[in-house]
Every structure is written in structure tokens, then in C-alpha cells.
């Protein structure tokens, strides 16, 4: 695909991973540009090439036999390795596939390959996938750690509650903390109230947003008082989320809550040059 063809593809087929409406606070129309907050400290200028941006497109390798995809994991180009890792999510579960993805997830020097590999490994499940995910909770890249939490949430969040809780206490990246909090809320429900109240005062607007969202499932005066305070938050997305949470029936919210680890895809500006976050 040439650069011109790639740009045309983006115009005609926007990536669903970039849909901003997946976040809990993005359900009200923005009336003016002044309503959109951007922390300038988070803004960077991206330098990704069209080839790198197309790394999540597995169409070029969709007809590859599994053996060839495993060979691709050893290619020099990290783009080829990323694409192969993602494609292996759809391969039949077999020992060779699991071993190959586990090796890529834990040893590849490209953080996106590690992230994509643990994402693909999750599709195959099992004890090996869970063990790799636990190991990656100490990965130097926060998006790999966040994806590892997605894996544990999907494989067996109850069995790995202690690992998830330890990450929530130890990590300081907003995406990791958010994923851990969402997963634990699925397990603990209203017992997460104190943690959510604390997160509602975080510096990160994303953490305040998600704390407000989950406080909608806490039936207490303290939760409602904090949500009323958050309706005056400096960030529009937090204010909107708090308003929606106040209109929510807590018991119904808890029954229906699945988190948005499966769909949330909104990034802070400049966070990731491939514009990806963990796809849970």
C-alpha cells in the first residue's frame, strides 16, 4: 500500500479503536472548542511512518500459515513482528503458538510487539498466558503493563485479584491504575468505595473520570457528595461523567457493569505513537 493509498484508506475506513465515544464521559455534545481541555505537558509531535501506523492491519498476513506467522515473530522489522503477533490471536491454540507469543511478549525489544503479543496470547488463555501477564506487570512500558492487566481480567480476574490489587497500589501510570481499578470493581463492587474516592482526586483527569463513573455504583452519601463536587471539576469529561453517575441507580449499575476495558480507546494527546491502548 502506497502512502497515498494508506491516507485514502484512513479517510474512508476510520479505525474503530480511535472512537472517542467509548469513554464514559463522552456522551454529551461539546458545544465549543473552549470545552475541550488539553494538558500541554501531554502533547507531543508524532513521528510514526505510514508503515508503523498500519502495523495493526493484519490483512497482509491473513493468509499466512501459522508456521510462517511464527517465523515473522523473528523478522528484523518490528512492524512485521507486531502484525504477526496480532494475527496469531486468531490461530488455532497450540503449544507452538503459545510458546511463540509468550517469548515475544517477554523478550522482544519493541514494546508494541510485547503489548500486541500479550493481547494475542490472551485469546488463547490458559495458565501460560496468565503467567506471562503476571510477569509483564513489571514491564518497563506502561502500555504493556496495562495490557497485561487486560489479560488477567479476561483470563481469571478472581484468581489474580491479589496481583491486580498489588499493581493498583504500586503503579503510577494512569492507564495501568485505571485498568486495575476497573478489574477490581468487577470483583469487589462497593468495597472499592474508598479507593474510588481517592482516585477521584487524582491529578489525571482520566482517573477522575473513571472514578466518577464507578462511584455511580456505590450507594452511599459519601459517594454522592463526592460526585456532586465533581460536577464542578475543571475537566468537562469529568463533570459530565459525574452528572451521569448521579442519575444512575447504583444496584443496576453494578449488575450491568462490565467495565470498558473491551472498548475504551481514547488517548491523551501524544501518549502512544500507534494510537493504541490495551484492547480489553
C-alpha atoms as a PDB file:
ATOM      1  CA  UNK A   1       0.000   0.000   0.000  1.00  0.00           C
ATOM      2  CA  UNK A   2       1.480   3.357  -1.004  1.00  0.00           C
ATOM      3  CA  UNK A   3       1.397   6.411   1.288  1.00  0.00           C
ATOM      4  CA  UNK A   4      -1.406   7.944  -0.807  1.00  0.00           C
ATOM      5  CA  UNK A   5      -3.428   4.709  -0.692  1.00  0.00           C
ATOM      6  CA  UNK A   6      -2.936   4.487   3.062  1.00  0.00           C
ATOM      7  CA  UNK A   7      -4.149   8.050   3.611  1.00  0.00           C
ATOM      8  CA  UNK A   8      -7.198   7.333   1.449  1.00  0.00           C
ATOM      9  CA  UNK A   9      -7.847   4.171   3.497  1.00  0.00           C
ATOM     10  CA  UNK A  10      -7.821   6.208   6.718  1.00  0.00           C
ATOM     11  CA  UNK A  11     -10.283   8.702   5.278  1.00  0.00           C
ATOM     12  CA  UNK A  12     -12.681   6.013   4.103  1.00  0.00           C
ATOM     13  CA  UNK A  13     -12.339   3.494   6.951  1.00  0.00           C
ATOM     14  CA  UNK A  14     -11.622   5.192  10.277  1.00  0.00           C
ATOM     15  CA  UNK A  15     -10.093   2.902  12.857  1.00  0.00           C
ATOM     16  CA  UNK A  16     -12.809   1.918  15.392  1.00  0.00           C
ATOM     17  CA  UNK A  17     -10.075   1.821  18.040  1.00  0.00           C
ATOM     18  CA  UNK A  18      -9.959   5.625  17.834  1.00  0.00           C
ATOM     19  CA  UNK A  19     -13.659   6.200  18.589  1.00  0.00           C
ATOM     20  CA  UNK A  20     -13.732   8.799  21.401  1.00  0.00           C
ATOM     21  CA  UNK A  21     -17.353   7.988  22.294  1.00  0.00           C
ATOM     22  CA  UNK A  22     -16.265   4.844  24.138  1.00  0.00           C
ATOM     23  CA  UNK A  23     -15.187   6.771  27.242  1.00  0.00           C
ATOM     24  CA  UNK A  24     -17.839   7.194  29.971  1.00  0.00           C
ATOM     25  CA  UNK A  25     -17.767  10.981  29.885  1.00  0.00           C
ATOM     26  CA  UNK A  26     -18.101  11.316  26.142  1.00  0.00           C
ATOM     27  CA  UNK A  27     -21.856  11.114  25.776  1.00  0.00           C
ATOM     28  CA  UNK A  28     -22.654  14.823  25.689  1.00  0.00           C
ATOM     29  CA  UNK A  29     -22.011  17.092  22.742  1.00  0.00           C
ATOM     30  CA  UNK A  30     -19.142  19.539  23.059  1.00  0.00           C
ATOM     31  CA  UNK A  31     -20.589  22.935  22.277  1.00  0.00           C
ATOM     32  CA  UNK A  32     -17.362  24.848  21.743  1.00  0.00           C
ATOM     33  CA  UNK A  33     -13.634  24.302  21.394  1.00  0.00           C
ATOM     34  CA  UNK A  34     -13.216  26.010  24.746  1.00  0.00           C
ATOM     35  CA  UNK A  35     -14.942  23.000  26.340  1.00  0.00           C
ATOM     36  CA  UNK A  36     -12.098  20.693  25.317  1.00  0.00           C
ATOM     37  CA  UNK A  37      -9.205  20.596  27.779  1.00  0.00           C
ATOM     38  CA  UNK A  38      -5.719  19.634  26.641  1.00  0.00           C
ATOM     39  CA  UNK A  39      -2.853  19.394  29.091  1.00  0.00           C
ATOM     40  CA  UNK A  40       0.043  20.835  27.124  1.00  0.00           C
ATOM     41  CA  UNK A  41       2.509  18.738  29.110  1.00  0.00           C
ATOM     42  CA  UNK A  42       0.977  15.652  27.459  1.00  0.00           C
ATOM     43  CA  UNK A  43       1.209  16.893  23.865  1.00  0.00           C
ATOM     44  CA  UNK A  44       3.963  15.546  21.641  1.00  0.00           C
ATOM     45  CA  UNK A  45       4.590  15.574  17.921  1.00  0.00           C
ATOM     46  CA  UNK A  46       4.220  12.105  16.447  1.00  0.00           C
ATOM     47  CA  UNK A  47       6.808  10.712  14.053  1.00  0.00           C
ATOM     48  CA  UNK A  48       5.216   7.411  13.078  1.00  0.00           C
ATOM     49  CA  UNK A  49       5.592   6.357   9.469  1.00  0.00           C
ATOM     50  CA  UNK A  50       2.611   5.100   7.437  1.00  0.00           C
ATOM     51  CA  UNK A  51       4.115   1.614   7.731  1.00  0.00           C
ATOM     52  CA  UNK A  52       4.153   1.858  11.528  1.00  0.00           C
ATOM     53  CA  UNK A  53       0.617   3.200  11.643  1.00  0.00           C
ATOM     54  CA  UNK A  54      -0.517   0.257   9.517  1.00  0.00           C
ATOM     55  CA  UNK A  55       1.094  -2.294  11.833  1.00  0.00           C
ATOM     56  CA  UNK A  56      -2.278  -3.263  13.286  1.00  0.00           C
ATOM     57  CA  UNK A  57      -3.603  -4.149   9.826  1.00  0.00           C
ATOM     58  CA  UNK A  58      -3.218  -7.918   9.638  1.00  0.00           C
ATOM     59  CA  UNK A  59      -4.668  -8.223   6.128  1.00  0.00           C
ATOM     60  CA  UNK A  60      -1.209  -8.614   4.519  1.00  0.00           C
ATOM     61  CA  UNK A  61      -0.591 -11.771   6.568  1.00  0.00           C
ATOM     62  CA  UNK A  62      -4.112 -13.146   6.989  1.00  0.00           C
ATOM     63  CA  UNK A  63      -3.447 -15.998   4.547  1.00  0.00           C
ATOM     64  CA  UNK A  64      -0.097 -16.930   6.119  1.00  0.00           C
ATOM     65  CA  UNK A  65       0.152 -20.432   7.625  1.00  0.00           C
ATOM     66  CA  UNK A  66       0.743 -20.456  11.366  1.00  0.00           C
ATOM     67  CA  UNK A  67       4.335 -21.585  10.876  1.00  0.00           C
ATOM     68  CA  UNK A  68       5.029 -18.548   8.709  1.00  0.00           C
ATOM     69  CA  UNK A  69       3.463 -16.210  11.262  1.00  0.00           C
ATOM     70  CA  UNK A  70       5.696 -17.687  13.939  1.00  0.00           C
ATOM     71  CA  UNK A  71       8.676 -17.093  11.668  1.00  0.00           C
ATOM     72  CA  UNK A  72       7.527 -13.475  11.261  1.00  0.00           C
ATOM     73  CA  UNK A  73       7.989 -13.011  15.002  1.00  0.00           C
ATOM     74  CA  UNK A  74      11.744 -13.197  14.328  1.00  0.00           C
ATOM     75  CA  UNK A  75      11.788 -10.704  11.468  1.00  0.00           C
ATOM     76  CA  UNK A  76      14.081  -7.676  11.735  1.00  0.00           C
ATOM     77  CA  UNK A  77      11.235  -5.224  11.183  1.00  0.00           C
ATOM     78  CA  UNK A  78       9.252  -4.538  14.376  1.00  0.00           C
ATOM     79  CA  UNK A  79       6.241  -3.714  12.182  1.00  0.00           C
ATOM     80  CA  UNK A  80       6.317  -7.250  10.763  1.00  0.00           C
ATOM     81  CA  UNK A  81       6.613  -8.687  14.259  1.00  0.00           C
ATOM     82  CA  UNK A  82       3.713  -6.586  15.566  1.00  0.00           C
ATOM     83  CA  UNK A  83       1.478  -7.639  12.681  1.00  0.00           C
ATOM     84  CA  UNK A  84       2.366 -11.317  13.136  1.00  0.00           C
ATOM     85  CA  UNK A  85       1.675 -11.179  16.870  1.00  0.00           C
ATOM     86  CA  UNK A  86      -1.783  -9.763  16.311  1.00  0.00           C
ATOM     87  CA  UNK A  87      -2.562 -12.266  13.563  1.00  0.00           C
ATOM     88  CA  UNK A  88      -1.641 -15.159  15.851  1.00  0.00           C
ATOM     89  CA  UNK A  89      -4.557 -14.259  18.106  1.00  0.00           C
ATOM     90  CA  UNK A  90      -6.789 -15.955  15.521  1.00  0.00           C
ATOM     91  CA  UNK A  91      -4.604 -19.016  15.056  1.00  0.00           C
ATOM     92  CA  UNK A  92      -5.752 -22.346  16.495  1.00  0.00           C
ATOM     93  CA  UNK A  93      -4.498 -22.716  20.046  1.00  0.00           C
ATOM     94  CA  UNK A  94      -1.424 -24.916  20.038  1.00  0.00           C
ATOM     95  CA  UNK A  95       1.689 -25.260  22.150  1.00  0.00           C
ATOM     96  CA  UNK A  96       3.893 -23.711  19.457  1.00  0.00           C
ATOM     97  CA  UNK A  97       1.644 -20.660  19.132  1.00  0.00           C
ATOM     98  CA  UNK A  98       1.515 -20.120  22.876  1.00  0.00           C
ATOM     99  CA  UNK A  99       5.292 -20.539  23.208  1.00  0.00           C
ATOM    100  CA  UNK A 100       5.974 -18.133  20.343  1.00  0.00           C
ATOM    101  CA  UNK A 101       3.684 -15.438  21.687  1.00  0.00           C
ATOM    102  CA  UNK A 102       4.980 -15.887  25.233  1.00  0.00           C
ATOM    103  CA  UNK A 103       8.551 -15.442  24.009  1.00  0.00           C
ATOM    104  CA  UNK A 104       7.623 -12.336  22.016  1.00  0.00           C
ATOM    105  CA  UNK A 105       5.687 -10.868  24.938  1.00  0.00           C
ATOM    106  CA  UNK A 106       8.542 -11.282  27.397  1.00  0.00           C
ATOM    107  CA  UNK A 107      11.705 -10.836  25.318  1.00  0.00           C
ATOM    108  CA  UNK A 108      11.051  -8.632  22.277  1.00  0.00           C
ATOM    109  CA  UNK A 109      12.873  -5.308  22.488  1.00  0.00           C
ATOM    110  CA  UNK A 110       9.928  -3.470  20.899  1.00  0.00           C
ATOM    111  CA  UNK A 111       7.280  -2.524  23.455  1.00  0.00           C
ATOM    112  CA  UNK A 112       4.473  -2.610  20.888  1.00  0.00           C
ATOM    113  CA  UNK A 113       5.384  -6.174  19.949  1.00  0.00           C
ATOM    114  CA  UNK A 114       5.244  -7.135  23.633  1.00  0.00           C
ATOM    115  CA  UNK A 115       1.884  -5.410  24.014  1.00  0.00           C
ATOM    116  CA  UNK A 116       0.402  -6.991  20.910  1.00  0.00           C
ATOM    117  CA  UNK A 117       1.820 -10.399  21.825  1.00  0.00           C
ATOM    118  CA  UNK A 118       0.228 -10.474  25.281  1.00  0.00           C
ATOM    119  CA  UNK A 119      -3.027  -9.258  23.743  1.00  0.00           C
ATOM    120  CA  UNK A 120      -2.909 -12.146  21.269  1.00  0.00           C
ATOM    121  CA  UNK A 121      -1.835 -14.601  23.959  1.00  0.00           C
ATOM    122  CA  UNK A 122      -4.939 -13.704  25.955  1.00  0.00           C
ATOM    123  CA  UNK A 123      -7.099 -15.076  23.157  1.00  0.00           C
ATOM    124  CA  UNK A 124      -5.545 -18.494  23.809  1.00  0.00           C
ATOM    125  CA  UNK A 125      -5.973 -18.303  27.588  1.00  0.00           C
ATOM    126  CA  UNK A 126      -4.586 -20.865  29.978  1.00  0.00           C
ATOM    127  CA  UNK A 127      -2.023 -20.891  32.760  1.00  0.00           C
ATOM    128  CA  UNK A 128       0.883 -19.946  30.468  1.00  0.00           C
ATOM    129  CA  UNK A 129      -0.906 -16.815  29.275  1.00  0.00           C
ATOM    130  CA  UNK A 130      -1.725 -15.839  32.857  1.00  0.00           C
ATOM    131  CA  UNK A 131       1.876 -16.414  33.980  1.00  0.00           C
ATOM    132  CA  UNK A 132       3.175 -14.220  31.153  1.00  0.00           C
ATOM    133  CA  UNK A 133       0.689 -11.491  32.043  1.00  0.00           C
ATOM    134  CA  UNK A 134       1.781 -11.538  35.690  1.00  0.00           C
ATOM    135  CA  UNK A 135       5.421 -11.260  34.594  1.00  0.00           C
ATOM    136  CA  UNK A 136       4.557  -8.285  32.377  1.00  0.00           C
ATOM    137  CA  UNK A 137       3.080  -6.357  35.295  1.00  0.00           C
ATOM    138  CA  UNK A 138       6.717  -5.327  35.851  1.00  0.00           C
ATOM    139  CA  UNK A 139       7.385  -4.399  32.210  1.00  0.00           C
ATOM    140  CA  UNK A 140       9.133  -1.021  31.788  1.00  0.00           C
ATOM    141  CA  UNK A 141       6.473   0.169  29.327  1.00  0.00           C
ATOM    142  CA  UNK A 142       3.181   1.246  30.950  1.00  0.00           C
ATOM    143  CA  UNK A 143       1.050   0.223  27.952  1.00  0.00           C
ATOM    144  CA  UNK A 144       2.429  -3.309  28.185  1.00  0.00           C
ATOM    145  CA  UNK A 145       1.583  -3.357  31.900  1.00  0.00           C
ATOM    146  CA  UNK A 146      -1.896  -2.054  31.135  1.00  0.00           C
ATOM    147  CA  UNK A 147      -2.398  -4.776  28.514  1.00  0.00           C
ATOM    148  CA  UNK A 148      -1.181  -7.382  30.997  1.00  0.00           C
ATOM    149  CA  UNK A 149      -3.978  -6.306  33.327  1.00  0.00           C
ATOM    150  CA  UNK A 150      -6.443  -6.735  30.484  1.00  0.00           C
ATOM    151  CA  UNK A 151      -5.146 -10.260  30.051  1.00  0.00           C
ATOM    152  CA  UNK A 152      -5.564 -11.136  33.718  1.00  0.00           C
ATOM    153  CA  UNK A 153      -9.016  -9.567  33.761  1.00  0.00           C
ATOM    154  CA  UNK A 154     -10.094 -11.693  30.822  1.00  0.00           C
ATOM    155  CA  UNK A 155      -8.379 -14.931  31.823  1.00  0.00           C
ATOM    156  CA  UNK A 156      -9.405 -15.069  35.500  1.00  0.00           C
ATOM    157  CA  UNK A 157      -9.688 -11.808  37.414  1.00  0.00           C
ATOM    158  CA  UNK A 158     -10.803 -13.521  40.627  1.00  0.00           C
ATOM    159  CA  UNK A 159      -7.808 -15.860  40.681  1.00  0.00           C
ATOM    160  CA  UNK A 160      -5.449 -12.934  40.107  1.00  0.00           C
ATOM    161  CA  UNK A 161      -7.148 -10.396  42.354  1.00  0.00           C
ATOM    162  CA  UNK A 162      -4.031 -10.106  44.532  1.00  0.00           C
ATOM    163  CA  UNK A 163      -1.774  -9.426  41.524  1.00  0.00           C
ATOM    164  CA  UNK A 164      -4.173  -6.793  40.205  1.00  0.00           C
ATOM    165  CA  UNK A 165      -4.507  -5.154  43.617  1.00  0.00           C
ATOM    166  CA  UNK A 166      -0.731  -5.044  44.075  1.00  0.00           C
ATOM    167  CA  UNK A 167      -0.393  -3.285  40.726  1.00  0.00           C
ATOM    168  CA  UNK A 168      -3.052  -0.748  41.675  1.00  0.00           C
ATOM    169  CA  UNK A 169      -1.067   0.079  44.813  1.00  0.00           C
ATOM    170  CA  UNK A 170       2.371   0.146  43.180  1.00  0.00           C
ATOM    171  CA  UNK A 171       1.934   1.657  39.708  1.00  0.00           C
ATOM    172  CA  UNK A 172       1.626   5.355  38.947  1.00  0.00           C
ATOM    173  CA  UNK A 173       0.629   5.384  35.264  1.00  0.00           C
ATOM    174  CA  UNK A 174      -2.977   6.407  34.764  1.00  0.00           C
ATOM    175  CA  UNK A 175      -3.807   3.677  32.209  1.00  0.00           C
ATOM    176  CA  UNK A 176      -2.424   0.938  34.464  1.00  0.00           C
ATOM    177  CA  UNK A 177      -4.171   2.271  37.560  1.00  0.00           C
ATOM    178  CA  UNK A 178      -7.428   2.690  35.651  1.00  0.00           C
ATOM    179  CA  UNK A 179      -7.373  -0.870  34.293  1.00  0.00           C
ATOM    180  CA  UNK A 180      -6.573  -2.283  37.724  1.00  0.00           C
ATOM    181  CA  UNK A 181      -9.381  -0.291  39.350  1.00  0.00           C
ATOM    182  CA  UNK A 182     -11.923  -1.373  36.729  1.00  0.00           C
ATOM    183  CA  UNK A 183     -10.975  -5.025  37.076  1.00  0.00           C
ATOM    184  CA  UNK A 184     -11.132  -4.888  40.869  1.00  0.00           C
ATOM    185  CA  UNK A 185     -14.504  -3.127  40.787  1.00  0.00           C
ATOM    186  CA  UNK A 186     -15.853  -6.096  38.840  1.00  0.00           C
ATOM    187  CA  UNK A 187     -14.724  -8.344  41.703  1.00  0.00           C
ATOM    188  CA  UNK A 188     -15.293  -6.161  44.756  1.00  0.00           C
ATOM    189  CA  UNK A 189     -18.093  -3.788  43.812  1.00  0.00           C
ATOM    190  CA  UNK A 190     -18.926  -1.282  46.554  1.00  0.00           C
ATOM    191  CA  UNK A 191     -15.948  -2.458  48.605  1.00  0.00           C
ATOM    192  CA  UNK A 192     -13.893  -0.320  46.207  1.00  0.00           C
ATOM    193  CA  UNK A 193     -15.521   2.860  47.529  1.00  0.00           C
ATOM    194  CA  UNK A 194     -12.520   4.206  49.450  1.00  0.00           C
ATOM    195  CA  UNK A 195     -10.178   3.539  46.545  1.00  0.00           C
ATOM    196  CA  UNK A 196     -12.534   5.244  44.098  1.00  0.00           C
ATOM    197  CA  UNK A 197     -12.910   8.262  46.353  1.00  0.00           C
ATOM    198  CA  UNK A 198      -9.132   8.533  46.454  1.00  0.00           C
ATOM    199  CA  UNK A 199      -8.807   8.148  42.685  1.00  0.00           C
ATOM    200  CA  UNK A 200     -11.450  10.823  42.184  1.00  0.00           C
ATOM    201  CA  UNK A 201      -8.830  13.289  43.455  1.00  0.00           C
ATOM    202  CA  UNK A 202      -6.044  12.088  41.158  1.00  0.00           C
ATOM    203  CA  UNK A 203      -4.109  14.533  39.006  1.00  0.00           C
ATOM    204  CA  UNK A 204      -5.088  12.575  35.895  1.00  0.00           C
ATOM    205  CA  UNK A 205      -8.468  13.591  34.519  1.00  0.00           C
ATOM    206  CA  UNK A 206      -8.800  10.088  33.079  1.00  0.00           C
ATOM    207  CA  UNK A 207      -8.578   8.596  36.568  1.00  0.00           C
ATOM    208  CA  UNK A 208     -11.046  11.127  37.951  1.00  0.00           C
ATOM    209  CA  UNK A 209     -13.362  10.354  35.039  1.00  0.00           C
ATOM    210  CA  UNK A 210     -13.326   6.603  35.650  1.00  0.00           C
ATOM    211  CA  UNK A 211     -13.547   7.020  39.415  1.00  0.00           C
ATOM    212  CA  UNK A 212     -16.658   9.144  38.922  1.00  0.00           C
ATOM    213  CA  UNK A 213     -18.090   6.552  36.552  1.00  0.00           C
ATOM    214  CA  UNK A 214     -17.662   3.712  39.042  1.00  0.00           C
ATOM    215  CA  UNK A 215     -18.822   5.803  42.001  1.00  0.00           C
ATOM    216  CA  UNK A 216     -22.175   5.667  40.267  1.00  0.00           C
ATOM    217  CA  UNK A 217     -22.292   2.070  41.523  1.00  0.00           C
ATOM    218  CA  UNK A 218     -21.638   2.984  45.163  1.00  0.00           C
ATOM    219  CA  UNK A 219     -24.793   3.564  47.205  1.00  0.00           C
ATOM    220  CA  UNK A 220     -23.518   5.907  49.902  1.00  0.00           C
ATOM    221  CA  UNK A 221     -23.840   9.553  50.882  1.00  0.00           C
ATOM    222  CA  UNK A 222     -20.060   9.995  50.651  1.00  0.00           C
ATOM    223  CA  UNK A 223     -20.068   8.772  47.056  1.00  0.00           C
ATOM    224  CA  UNK A 224     -22.959  11.048  46.098  1.00  0.00           C
ATOM    225  CA  UNK A 225     -21.389  14.033  47.874  1.00  0.00           C
ATOM    226  CA  UNK A 226     -18.136  13.465  46.011  1.00  0.00           C
ATOM    227  CA  UNK A 227     -19.957  13.148  42.697  1.00  0.00           C
ATOM    228  CA  UNK A 228     -21.673  16.487  43.355  1.00  0.00           C
ATOM    229  CA  UNK A 229     -18.246  18.014  43.963  1.00  0.00           C
ATOM    230  CA  UNK A 230     -17.001  16.516  40.707  1.00  0.00           C
ATOM    231  CA  UNK A 231     -19.751  18.258  38.759  1.00  0.00           C
ATOM    232  CA  UNK A 232     -17.550  21.341  39.281  1.00  0.00           C
ATOM    233  CA  UNK A 233     -14.344  19.585  38.178  1.00  0.00           C
ATOM    234  CA  UNK A 234     -12.088  21.621  35.832  1.00  0.00           C
ATOM    235  CA  UNK A 235     -12.320  18.902  33.166  1.00  0.00           C
ATOM    236  CA  UNK A 236     -15.508  18.769  31.112  1.00  0.00           C
ATOM    237  CA  UNK A 237     -15.315  14.995  30.708  1.00  0.00           C
ATOM    238  CA  UNK A 238     -15.178  14.531  34.492  1.00  0.00           C
ATOM    239  CA  UNK A 239     -18.097  16.908  35.074  1.00  0.00           C
ATOM    240  CA  UNK A 240     -20.216  15.080  32.503  1.00  0.00           C
ATOM    241  CA  UNK A 241     -19.358  11.671  33.944  1.00  0.00           C
ATOM    242  CA  UNK A 242     -20.231  12.795  37.481  1.00  0.00           C
ATOM    243  CA  UNK A 243     -23.574  14.166  36.303  1.00  0.00           C
ATOM    244  CA  UNK A 244     -24.416  10.872  34.613  1.00  0.00           C
ATOM    245  CA  UNK A 245     -23.306   8.902  37.663  1.00  0.00           C
ATOM    246  CA  UNK A 246     -25.634  10.890  39.925  1.00  0.00           C
ATOM    247  CA  UNK A 247     -28.554   9.880  37.708  1.00  0.00           C
ATOM    248  CA  UNK A 248     -27.629   6.182  37.889  1.00  0.00           C
ATOM    249  CA  UNK A 249     -29.225   3.546  40.102  1.00  0.00           C
ATOM    250  CA  UNK A 250     -26.225   2.039  41.961  1.00  0.00           C
ATOM    251  CA  UNK A 251     -27.552  -1.522  42.139  1.00  0.00           C
ATOM    252  CA  UNK A 252     -28.473  -1.568  38.471  1.00  0.00           C
ATOM    253  CA  UNK A 253     -25.090  -0.067  37.585  1.00  0.00           C
ATOM    254  CA  UNK A 254     -23.250  -2.833  39.437  1.00  0.00           C
ATOM    255  CA  UNK A 255     -25.344  -5.544  37.796  1.00  0.00           C
ATOM    256  CA  UNK A 256     -24.627  -4.202  34.328  1.00  0.00           C
ATOM    257  CA  UNK A 257     -21.038  -3.067  34.828  1.00  0.00           C
ATOM    258  CA  UNK A 258     -18.580  -4.807  32.593  1.00  0.00           C
ATOM    259  CA  UNK A 259     -16.037  -2.037  32.592  1.00  0.00           C
ATOM    260  CA  UNK A 260     -14.950  -0.569  29.313  1.00  0.00           C
ATOM    261  CA  UNK A 261     -11.704  -2.434  29.105  1.00  0.00           C
ATOM    262  CA  UNK A 262     -13.124  -4.059  25.991  1.00  0.00           C
ATOM    263  CA  UNK A 263     -13.907  -0.821  24.161  1.00  0.00           C
ATOM    264  CA  UNK A 264     -12.364   2.265  25.752  1.00  0.00           C
ATOM    265  CA  UNK A 265      -9.858   3.681  23.327  1.00  0.00           C
ATOM    266  CA  UNK A 266      -9.482   7.389  23.986  1.00  0.00           C
ATOM    267  CA  UNK A 267      -5.883   8.519  24.412  1.00  0.00           C
ATOM    268  CA  UNK A 268      -4.387  11.568  25.964  1.00  0.00           C
ATOM    269  CA  UNK A 269      -2.648  13.567  23.228  1.00  0.00           C
ATOM    270  CA  UNK A 270       0.701  12.123  22.243  1.00  0.00           C
ATOM    271  CA  UNK A 271       0.540   9.133  24.576  1.00  0.00           C
ATOM    272  CA  UNK A 272       1.182   6.429  22.024  1.00  0.00           C
ATOM    273  CA  UNK A 273       2.522   6.798  18.514  1.00  0.00           C
ATOM    274  CA  UNK A 274       0.338   3.942  17.261  1.00  0.00           C
ATOM    275  CA  UNK A 275      -2.715   5.496  18.920  1.00  0.00           C
ATOM    276  CA  UNK A 276      -3.455   2.273  20.786  1.00  0.00           C
ATOM    277  CA  UNK A 277      -4.283   1.404  24.337  1.00  0.00           C
ATOM    278  CA  UNK A 278      -4.970  -2.050  25.754  1.00  0.00           C
ATOM    279  CA  UNK A 279      -7.858  -3.611  23.850  1.00  0.00           C
ATOM    280  CA  UNK A 280      -9.774  -5.468  26.554  1.00  0.00           C
END
